[in-house]
Amino acid sequence: MAKKDRSAEKIICQNKLARRNYFIEETYETGIVLAGTEVKALREGRGNMKDSYAQVKNGEVFVYDLHISPYSHGNRTNHSVLRVRKLLLHKQEIKKLYGKSNEKGLTLVPLKMYFKNGRVKLEIGIGKGKKLYDKRQDIRQKDDMRDVQRDMSSRNKDW
């Protein structure tokens, strides 16, 4: 019987709107403090980070509005859905994040949550909000790339 590869990353959920609404300058991989039923619910793929954000308070980093649905086989001791969860970082990283998050226009945005070596990890980024014209420019670039790909594939079919 072959041994399972636990080192591979298994993505639980992603915040797709984050890269659309923010310029991501730096990213950090963090651990997250979870209850047992939260981990079981995440193994079922029940995470949602659409409106979530992170903040530094009292020398610790917390993530807010990270939605983890209740575990399907849980009982009355199931976790609360939108509780504030602590992130695990080194002290130097927390100081750096605190300095960056206090700058005007910068915020801490959760980007994706995944399993790595059997542990839940959360990737957060330092983001600067995009203006409307920046978003339009990104959409235009994606459309142009899609057209180029379509033209290239149609040329390959002709051969």
N, C-alpha and C. Protein backbone atom coordinates (compact mmCIF):
# COMPACT_ATOMS: atom_id res chain seq x y z
N MET A 1 0.85 -1.18 0.00
CA MET A 1 0.00 0.00 0.00
C MET A 1 0.89 1.24 0.00
N ALA A 2 0.66 2.14 -0.94
CA ALA A 2 1.49 3.33 -1.08
C ALA A 2 1.16 4.35 0.01
N LYS A 3 2.19 5.08 0.42
CA LYS A 3 2.02 6.10 1.45
C LYS A 3 1.47 7.37 0.81
N LYS A 4 0.53 8.03 1.52
CA LYS A 4 -0.07 9.26 1.02
C LYS A 4 0.93 10.41 1.07
N ASP A 5 0.90 11.26 0.06
CA ASP A 5 1.76 12.45 0.05
C ASP A 5 1.04 13.57 0.80
N ARG A 6 1.47 13.85 2.02
CA ARG A 6 0.82 14.86 2.85
C ARG A 6 1.42 16.24 2.62
N SER A 7 2.51 16.33 1.88
CA SER A 7 3.17 17.62 1.72
C SER A 7 2.48 18.51 0.68
N ALA A 8 1.64 17.91 -0.16
CA ALA A 8 0.97 18.68 -1.19
C ALA A 8 -0.08 19.59 -0.57
N GLU A 9 -0.29 20.74 -1.19
CA GLU A 9 -1.28 21.69 -0.71
C GLU A 9 -2.65 21.34 -1.30
N LYS A 10 -3.66 21.32 -0.45
CA LYS A 10 -5.03 21.11 -0.89
C LYS A 10 -5.81 22.37 -0.56
N ILE A 11 -6.21 23.10 -1.57
CA ILE A 11 -6.88 24.39 -1.36
C ILE A 11 -8.30 24.15 -0.87
N ILE A 12 -8.64 24.84 0.22
CA ILE A 12 -9.97 24.75 0.80
C ILE A 12 -10.87 25.81 0.17
N CYS A 13 -10.43 27.07 0.22
CA CYS A 13 -11.20 28.16 -0.38
C CYS A 13 -10.25 29.30 -0.72
N GLN A 14 -10.70 30.12 -1.67
CA GLN A 14 -9.92 31.27 -2.11
C GLN A 14 -10.80 32.51 -2.09
N ASN A 15 -10.16 33.65 -1.90
CA ASN A 15 -10.84 34.94 -1.98
C ASN A 15 -10.53 35.53 -3.35
N LYS A 16 -11.34 35.19 -4.33
CA LYS A 16 -11.07 35.62 -5.69
C LYS A 16 -11.27 37.12 -5.88
N LEU A 17 -12.15 37.70 -5.08
CA LEU A 17 -12.38 39.15 -5.20
C LEU A 17 -11.20 39.96 -4.68
N ALA A 18 -10.37 39.37 -3.84
CA ALA A 18 -9.26 40.11 -3.26
C ALA A 18 -8.29 40.58 -4.33
N ARG A 19 -7.93 39.71 -5.25
CA ARG A 19 -6.99 40.11 -6.31
C ARG A 19 -7.63 41.03 -7.32
N ARG A 20 -8.95 41.02 -7.40
CA ARG A 20 -9.63 41.94 -8.30
C ARG A 20 -9.73 43.33 -7.68
N ASN A 21 -9.90 43.40 -6.35
CA ASN A 21 -10.12 44.68 -5.69
C ASN A 21 -8.88 45.30 -5.08
N TYR A 22 -7.79 44.54 -4.98
CA TYR A 22 -6.57 45.04 -4.33
C TYR A 22 -5.34 44.71 -5.16
N PHE A 23 -4.35 45.59 -5.08
CA PHE A 23 -3.00 45.27 -5.54
C PHE A 23 -2.33 44.57 -4.36
N ILE A 24 -1.91 43.34 -4.50
CA ILE A 24 -1.29 42.60 -3.41
C ILE A 24 0.22 42.82 -3.49
N GLU A 25 0.77 43.45 -2.44
CA GLU A 25 2.20 43.77 -2.43
C GLU A 25 3.03 42.63 -1.87
N GLU A 26 2.63 42.07 -0.73
CA GLU A 26 3.36 40.98 -0.09
C GLU A 26 2.37 39.95 0.41
N THR A 27 2.80 38.69 0.50
CA THR A 27 1.95 37.65 1.05
C THR A 27 2.68 36.95 2.18
N TYR A 28 1.91 36.45 3.13
CA TYR A 28 2.44 35.72 4.28
C TYR A 28 1.63 34.45 4.47
N GLU A 29 2.32 33.37 4.79
CA GLU A 29 1.65 32.12 5.14
C GLU A 29 1.53 32.07 6.66
N THR A 30 0.32 31.93 7.16
CA THR A 30 0.09 31.92 8.59
C THR A 30 -0.62 30.66 9.01
N GLY A 31 -0.42 30.29 10.26
CA GLY A 31 -1.24 29.25 10.86
C GLY A 31 -2.49 29.91 11.40
N ILE A 32 -3.47 29.11 11.78
CA ILE A 32 -4.72 29.65 12.30
C ILE A 32 -5.19 28.76 13.44
N VAL A 33 -5.68 29.38 14.51
CA VAL A 33 -6.16 28.65 15.67
C VAL A 33 -7.61 28.25 15.42
N LEU A 34 -7.88 26.93 15.38
CA LEU A 34 -9.21 26.42 15.07
C LEU A 34 -9.65 25.41 16.12
N ALA A 35 -10.96 25.25 16.24
CA ALA A 35 -11.53 24.19 17.07
C ALA A 35 -11.59 22.91 16.23
N GLY A 36 -11.80 21.79 16.88
CA GLY A 36 -11.82 20.50 16.18
C GLY A 36 -12.90 20.39 15.14
N THR A 37 -14.11 20.90 15.45
CA THR A 37 -15.19 20.80 14.48
C THR A 37 -14.95 21.73 13.29
N GLU A 38 -14.19 22.80 13.50
CA GLU A 38 -13.88 23.70 12.38
C GLU A 38 -12.97 23.00 11.37
N VAL A 39 -12.00 22.25 11.86
CA VAL A 39 -11.09 21.54 10.97
C VAL A 39 -11.86 20.48 10.19
N LYS A 40 -12.76 19.77 10.87
CA LYS A 40 -13.56 18.74 10.19
C LYS A 40 -14.46 19.36 9.13
N ALA A 41 -15.04 20.53 9.43
CA ALA A 41 -15.87 21.22 8.45
C ALA A 41 -15.04 21.68 7.26
N LEU A 42 -13.80 22.12 7.52
CA LEU A 42 -12.94 22.56 6.41
C LEU A 42 -12.52 21.38 5.55
N ARG A 43 -12.36 20.21 6.14
CA ARG A 43 -12.05 19.02 5.34
C ARG A 43 -13.20 18.68 4.40
N GLU A 44 -14.42 19.07 4.78
CA GLU A 44 -15.58 18.90 3.90
C GLU A 44 -15.68 20.03 2.88
N GLY A 45 -14.79 21.03 2.96
CA GLY A 45 -14.80 22.14 2.02
C GLY A 45 -15.82 23.20 2.36
N ARG A 46 -16.09 23.42 3.63
CA ARG A 46 -17.14 24.35 4.05
C ARG A 46 -16.59 25.69 4.52
N GLY A 47 -15.62 26.23 3.85
CA GLY A 47 -15.07 27.53 4.20
C GLY A 47 -15.43 28.58 3.18
N ASN A 48 -15.59 29.82 3.64
CA ASN A 48 -15.89 30.93 2.74
C ASN A 48 -15.21 32.18 3.29
N MET A 49 -14.41 32.84 2.48
CA MET A 49 -13.67 34.01 2.94
C MET A 49 -13.99 35.24 2.10
N LYS A 50 -15.20 35.33 1.63
CA LYS A 50 -15.58 36.41 0.72
C LYS A 50 -15.43 37.80 1.34
N ASP A 51 -15.95 38.01 2.52
CA ASP A 51 -15.92 39.34 3.14
C ASP A 51 -14.92 39.42 4.28
N SER A 52 -13.98 38.51 4.36
CA SER A 52 -13.09 38.46 5.52
C SER A 52 -11.96 39.48 5.40
N TYR A 53 -11.44 39.86 6.56
CA TYR A 53 -10.31 40.78 6.63
C TYR A 53 -9.53 40.47 7.90
N ALA A 54 -8.31 40.97 7.98
CA ALA A 54 -7.46 40.72 9.15
C ALA A 54 -7.04 42.05 9.75
N GLN A 55 -6.76 42.04 11.07
CA GLN A 55 -6.30 43.22 11.79
C GLN A 55 -5.30 42.81 12.85
N VAL A 56 -4.41 43.74 13.16
CA VAL A 56 -3.45 43.53 14.25
C VAL A 56 -3.99 44.25 15.48
N LYS A 57 -4.16 43.50 16.58
CA LYS A 57 -4.63 44.08 17.84
C LYS A 57 -3.82 43.51 18.99
N ASN A 58 -3.28 44.39 19.81
CA ASN A 58 -2.52 44.00 21.00
C ASN A 58 -1.37 43.04 20.67
N GLY A 59 -0.69 43.26 19.59
CA GLY A 59 0.45 42.43 19.23
C GLY A 59 0.08 41.07 18.68
N GLU A 60 -1.19 40.87 18.31
CA GLU A 60 -1.64 39.62 17.72
C GLU A 60 -2.46 39.93 16.47
N VAL A 61 -2.50 38.99 15.54
CA VAL A 61 -3.25 39.18 14.30
C VAL A 61 -4.50 38.32 14.37
N PHE A 62 -5.64 38.92 14.06
CA PHE A 62 -6.92 38.22 14.07
C PHE A 62 -7.58 38.35 12.70
N VAL A 63 -8.34 37.33 12.32
CA VAL A 63 -9.10 37.37 11.08
C VAL A 63 -10.58 37.43 11.45
N TYR A 64 -11.30 38.31 10.76
CA TYR A 64 -12.71 38.55 11.03
C TYR A 64 -13.54 38.13 9.83
N ASP A 65 -14.78 37.75 10.10
CA ASP A 65 -15.77 37.38 9.07
C ASP A 65 -15.33 36.23 8.18
N LEU A 66 -14.51 35.35 8.71
CA LEU A 66 -14.14 34.13 8.00
C LEU A 66 -15.21 33.10 8.31
N HIS A 67 -16.01 32.75 7.33
CA HIS A 67 -17.17 31.90 7.54
C HIS A 67 -16.80 30.43 7.38
N ILE A 68 -16.94 29.67 8.46
CA ILE A 68 -16.77 28.22 8.42
C ILE A 68 -18.08 27.62 8.87
N SER A 69 -18.79 26.96 7.95
CA SER A 69 -20.09 26.38 8.26
C SER A 69 -19.97 25.31 9.32
N PRO A 70 -21.06 25.05 10.05
CA PRO A 70 -21.00 24.01 11.10
C PRO A 70 -20.70 22.64 10.51
N TYR A 71 -20.04 21.82 11.30
CA TYR A 71 -19.71 20.45 10.90
C TYR A 71 -21.00 19.65 10.80
N SER A 72 -21.16 18.90 9.73
CA SER A 72 -22.42 18.19 9.47
C SER A 72 -22.73 17.14 10.53
N HIS A 73 -21.72 16.49 11.10
CA HIS A 73 -21.95 15.46 12.09
C HIS A 73 -21.66 15.96 13.50
N GLY A 74 -21.62 17.27 13.67
CA GLY A 74 -21.35 17.84 14.98
C GLY A 74 -22.59 17.80 15.86
N ASN A 75 -22.37 18.06 17.14
CA ASN A 75 -23.49 18.08 18.08
C ASN A 75 -23.63 19.49 18.66
N ARG A 76 -24.13 19.60 19.86
CA ARG A 76 -24.37 20.93 20.44
C ARG A 76 -23.08 21.68 20.73
N THR A 77 -21.95 21.01 20.72
CA THR A 77 -20.67 21.69 20.96
C THR A 77 -20.03 22.18 19.67
N ASN A 78 -20.81 22.27 18.60
CA ASN A 78 -20.30 22.77 17.34
C ASN A 78 -19.82 24.22 17.49
N HIS A 79 -18.91 24.65 16.64
CA HIS A 79 -18.32 25.98 16.71
C HIS A 79 -19.30 27.04 16.21
N SER A 80 -19.08 28.29 16.59
CA SER A 80 -19.86 29.38 16.03
C SER A 80 -19.29 29.73 14.66
N VAL A 81 -20.15 30.15 13.78
CA VAL A 81 -19.81 30.27 12.37
C VAL A 81 -18.84 31.41 12.07
N LEU A 82 -19.06 32.60 12.62
CA LEU A 82 -18.28 33.78 12.27
C LEU A 82 -17.40 34.27 13.41
N ARG A 83 -16.89 33.37 14.23
CA ARG A 83 -16.09 33.83 15.37
C ARG A 83 -14.76 34.41 14.90
N VAL A 84 -14.16 35.25 15.74
CA VAL A 84 -12.86 35.84 15.45
C VAL A 84 -11.79 34.79 15.70
N ARG A 85 -10.89 34.60 14.73
CA ARG A 85 -9.87 33.56 14.85
C ARG A 85 -8.48 34.19 14.84
N LYS A 86 -7.62 33.65 15.68
CA LYS A 86 -6.27 34.17 15.83
C LYS A 86 -5.36 33.54 14.78
N LEU A 87 -4.47 34.36 14.22
CA LEU A 87 -3.48 33.88 13.26
C LEU A 87 -2.14 33.73 13.95
N LEU A 88 -1.37 32.76 13.52
CA LEU A 88 -0.08 32.45 14.13
C LEU A 88 1.05 32.93 13.24
N LEU A 89 1.79 33.92 13.73
CA LEU A 89 2.91 34.51 13.00
C LEU A 89 4.06 34.74 13.97
N HIS A 90 5.25 34.95 13.42
CA HIS A 90 6.39 35.33 14.25
C HIS A 90 6.24 36.79 14.66
N LYS A 91 6.86 37.15 15.76
CA LYS A 91 6.74 38.50 16.31
C LYS A 91 7.23 39.55 15.32
N GLN A 92 8.32 39.27 14.61
CA GLN A 92 8.85 40.23 13.63
C GLN A 92 7.85 40.44 12.49
N GLU A 93 7.20 39.36 12.07
CA GLU A 93 6.21 39.49 11.00
C GLU A 93 5.00 40.31 11.48
N ILE A 94 4.60 40.10 12.72
CA ILE A 94 3.47 40.86 13.26
C ILE A 94 3.81 42.35 13.32
N LYS A 95 5.03 42.67 13.76
CA LYS A 95 5.45 44.08 13.81
C LYS A 95 5.44 44.70 12.42
N LYS A 96 5.92 43.95 11.44
CA LYS A 96 5.94 44.45 10.07
C LYS A 96 4.52 44.66 9.55
N LEU A 97 3.64 43.70 9.82
CA LEU A 97 2.24 43.83 9.39
C LEU A 97 1.55 45.00 10.09
N TYR A 98 1.87 45.21 11.36
CA TYR A 98 1.28 46.32 12.09
C TYR A 98 1.68 47.66 11.46
N GLY A 99 2.95 47.78 11.12
CA GLY A 99 3.42 49.00 10.48
C GLY A 99 2.79 49.22 9.12
N LYS A 100 2.69 48.15 8.34
CA LYS A 100 2.11 48.28 7.00
C LYS A 100 0.61 48.57 7.07
N SER A 101 -0.09 47.92 8.00
CA SER A 101 -1.55 48.10 8.05
C SER A 101 -1.93 49.49 8.55
N ASN A 102 -1.02 50.17 9.25
CA ASN A 102 -1.30 51.53 9.70
C ASN A 102 -1.04 52.57 8.63
N GLU A 103 -0.35 52.19 7.55
CA GLU A 103 -0.15 53.12 6.45
C GLU A 103 -1.48 53.37 5.76
N LYS A 104 -1.62 54.57 5.22
CA LYS A 104 -2.87 54.92 4.57
C LYS A 104 -3.07 54.11 3.29
N GLY A 105 -4.25 53.52 3.16
CA GLY A 105 -4.60 52.79 1.95
C GLY A 105 -4.21 51.33 1.94
N LEU A 106 -3.50 50.84 2.96
CA LEU A 106 -3.09 49.44 2.99
C LEU A 106 -3.94 48.67 3.99
N THR A 107 -4.26 47.44 3.65
CA THR A 107 -5.06 46.59 4.52
C THR A 107 -4.57 45.16 4.43
N LEU A 108 -4.94 44.34 5.41
CA LEU A 108 -4.58 42.92 5.42
C LEU A 108 -5.76 42.12 4.88
N VAL A 109 -5.52 41.39 3.79
CA VAL A 109 -6.59 40.69 3.11
C VAL A 109 -6.27 39.19 3.08
N PRO A 110 -7.16 38.33 3.59
CA PRO A 110 -6.96 36.88 3.43
C PRO A 110 -7.15 36.48 1.97
N LEU A 111 -6.22 35.70 1.43
CA LEU A 111 -6.25 35.34 0.03
C LEU A 111 -6.73 33.91 -0.20
N LYS A 112 -6.17 32.95 0.54
CA LYS A 112 -6.63 31.57 0.38
C LYS A 112 -6.35 30.79 1.65
N MET A 113 -7.10 29.71 1.81
CA MET A 113 -6.93 28.79 2.93
C MET A 113 -6.71 27.40 2.35
N TYR A 114 -5.73 26.70 2.92
CA TYR A 114 -5.38 25.39 2.37
C TYR A 114 -4.78 24.50 3.45
N PHE A 115 -4.74 23.20 3.15
CA PHE A 115 -4.07 22.24 4.02
C PHE A 115 -2.65 22.06 3.53
N LYS A 116 -1.70 22.08 4.45
CA LYS A 116 -0.30 21.84 4.13
C LYS A 116 0.26 20.96 5.24
N ASN A 117 0.72 19.78 4.88
CA ASN A 117 1.21 18.79 5.85
C ASN A 117 0.18 18.50 6.93
N GLY A 118 -1.08 18.45 6.56
CA GLY A 118 -2.14 18.12 7.50
C GLY A 118 -2.60 19.27 8.37
N ARG A 119 -2.04 20.45 8.20
CA ARG A 119 -2.41 21.61 9.01
C ARG A 119 -3.08 22.66 8.11
N VAL A 120 -3.99 23.41 8.72
CA VAL A 120 -4.69 24.47 7.98
C VAL A 120 -3.81 25.71 7.97
N LYS A 121 -3.57 26.24 6.79
CA LYS A 121 -2.78 27.47 6.63
C LYS A 121 -3.65 28.51 5.94
N LEU A 122 -3.38 29.76 6.27
CA LEU A 122 -4.09 30.88 5.67
C LEU A 122 -3.07 31.82 5.06
N GLU A 123 -3.26 32.18 3.82
CA GLU A 123 -2.35 33.12 3.17
C GLU A 123 -3.00 34.50 3.21
N ILE A 124 -2.29 35.45 3.84
CA ILE A 124 -2.80 36.82 3.88
C ILE A 124 -1.86 37.71 3.07
N GLY A 125 -2.41 38.77 2.54
CA GLY A 125 -1.61 39.69 1.74
C GLY A 125 -1.83 41.12 2.19
N ILE A 126 -0.83 41.93 1.95
CA ILE A 126 -0.95 43.36 2.20
C ILE A 126 -1.46 43.97 0.91
N GLY A 127 -2.68 44.50 0.97
CA GLY A 127 -3.31 44.98 -0.24
C GLY A 127 -3.57 46.47 -0.23
N LYS A 128 -3.47 47.06 -1.41
CA LYS A 128 -3.79 48.47 -1.62
C LYS A 128 -4.98 48.48 -2.57
N GLY A 129 -6.03 49.18 -2.19
CA GLY A 129 -7.27 49.18 -2.96
C GLY A 129 -7.10 49.71 -4.37
N LYS A 130 -7.76 49.05 -5.31
CA LYS A 130 -7.74 49.49 -6.70
C LYS A 130 -8.85 50.50 -6.95
N LYS A 131 -8.58 51.41 -7.84
CA LYS A 131 -9.59 52.36 -8.29
C LYS A 131 -10.39 51.69 -9.41
N LEU A 132 -11.49 52.29 -9.79
CA LEU A 132 -12.35 51.72 -10.81
C LEU A 132 -11.63 51.58 -12.14
N TYR A 133 -10.83 52.57 -12.50
CA TYR A 133 -10.13 52.49 -13.78
C TYR A 133 -9.06 51.39 -13.77
N ASP A 134 -8.48 51.08 -12.61
CA ASP A 134 -7.53 49.97 -12.52
C ASP A 134 -8.24 48.64 -12.77
N LYS A 135 -9.44 48.50 -12.23
CA LYS A 135 -10.20 47.27 -12.43
C LYS A 135 -10.57 47.10 -13.89
N ARG A 136 -10.97 48.20 -14.53
CA ARG A 136 -11.32 48.14 -15.95
C ARG A 136 -10.12 47.75 -16.80
N GLN A 137 -8.96 48.27 -16.44
CA GLN A 137 -7.74 47.95 -17.17
C GLN A 137 -7.40 46.46 -17.04
N ASP A 138 -7.56 45.89 -15.84
CA ASP A 138 -7.32 44.47 -15.63
C ASP A 138 -8.27 43.62 -16.46
N ILE A 139 -9.54 44.01 -16.48
CA ILE A 139 -10.53 43.27 -17.26
C ILE A 139 -10.18 43.33 -18.74
N ARG A 140 -9.74 44.49 -19.21
CA ARG A 140 -9.37 44.65 -20.61
C ARG A 140 -8.17 43.75 -20.95
N GLN A 141 -7.19 43.69 -20.06
CA GLN A 141 -6.03 42.84 -20.31
C GLN A 141 -6.42 41.37 -20.36
N LYS A 142 -7.31 40.93 -19.47
CA LYS A 142 -7.76 39.55 -19.48
C LYS A 142 -8.50 39.22 -20.77
N ASP A 143 -9.35 40.15 -21.22
CA ASP A 143 -10.07 39.94 -22.47
C ASP A 143 -9.11 39.84 -23.65
N ASP A 144 -8.10 40.70 -23.67
CA ASP A 144 -7.11 40.66 -24.74
C ASP A 144 -6.34 39.34 -24.74
N MET A 145 -5.94 38.89 -23.56
CA MET A 145 -5.23 37.60 -23.47
C MET A 145 -6.12 36.44 -23.92
N ARG A 146 -7.40 36.49 -23.57
CA ARG A 146 -8.33 35.45 -23.99
C ARG A 146 -8.46 35.45 -25.51
N ASP A 147 -8.53 36.64 -26.13
CA ASP A 147 -8.62 36.71 -27.59
C ASP A 147 -7.37 36.15 -28.24
N VAL A 148 -6.20 36.47 -27.69
CA VAL A 148 -4.95 35.94 -28.24
C VAL A 148 -4.92 34.42 -28.13
N GLN A 149 -5.32 33.89 -27.01
CA GLN A 149 -5.35 32.44 -26.83
C GLN A 149 -6.32 31.79 -27.81
N ARG A 150 -7.46 32.41 -28.02
CA ARG A 150 -8.44 31.88 -28.96
C ARG A 150 -7.88 31.88 -30.37
N ASP A 151 -7.20 32.96 -30.77
CA ASP A 151 -6.60 33.03 -32.10
C ASP A 151 -5.51 31.98 -32.28
N MET A 152 -4.69 31.80 -31.23
CA MET A 152 -3.61 30.81 -31.32
C MET A 152 -4.17 29.40 -31.44
N SER A 153 -5.23 29.10 -30.70
CA SER A 153 -5.79 27.75 -30.77
C SER A 153 -6.45 27.51 -32.12
N SER A 154 -7.09 28.54 -32.70
CA SER A 154 -7.71 28.35 -34.01
C SER A 154 -6.66 28.17 -35.10
N ARG A 155 -5.49 28.80 -34.96
CA ARG A 155 -4.42 28.61 -35.94
C ARG A 155 -3.86 27.19 -35.86
N ASN A 156 -3.78 26.66 -34.66
CA ASN A 156 -3.25 25.31 -34.48
C ASN A 156 -4.22 24.27 -35.05
N LYS A 157 -5.50 24.55 -35.06
CA LYS A 157 -6.49 23.62 -35.61
C LYS A 157 -6.39 23.56 -37.12
N ASP A 158 -6.01 24.68 -37.75
CA ASP A 158 -5.92 24.73 -39.22
C ASP A 158 -4.81 23.85 -39.74
N TRP A 159 -3.76 23.64 -38.98
CA TRP A 159 -2.64 22.84 -39.45
C TRP A 159 -3.05 21.43 -39.47
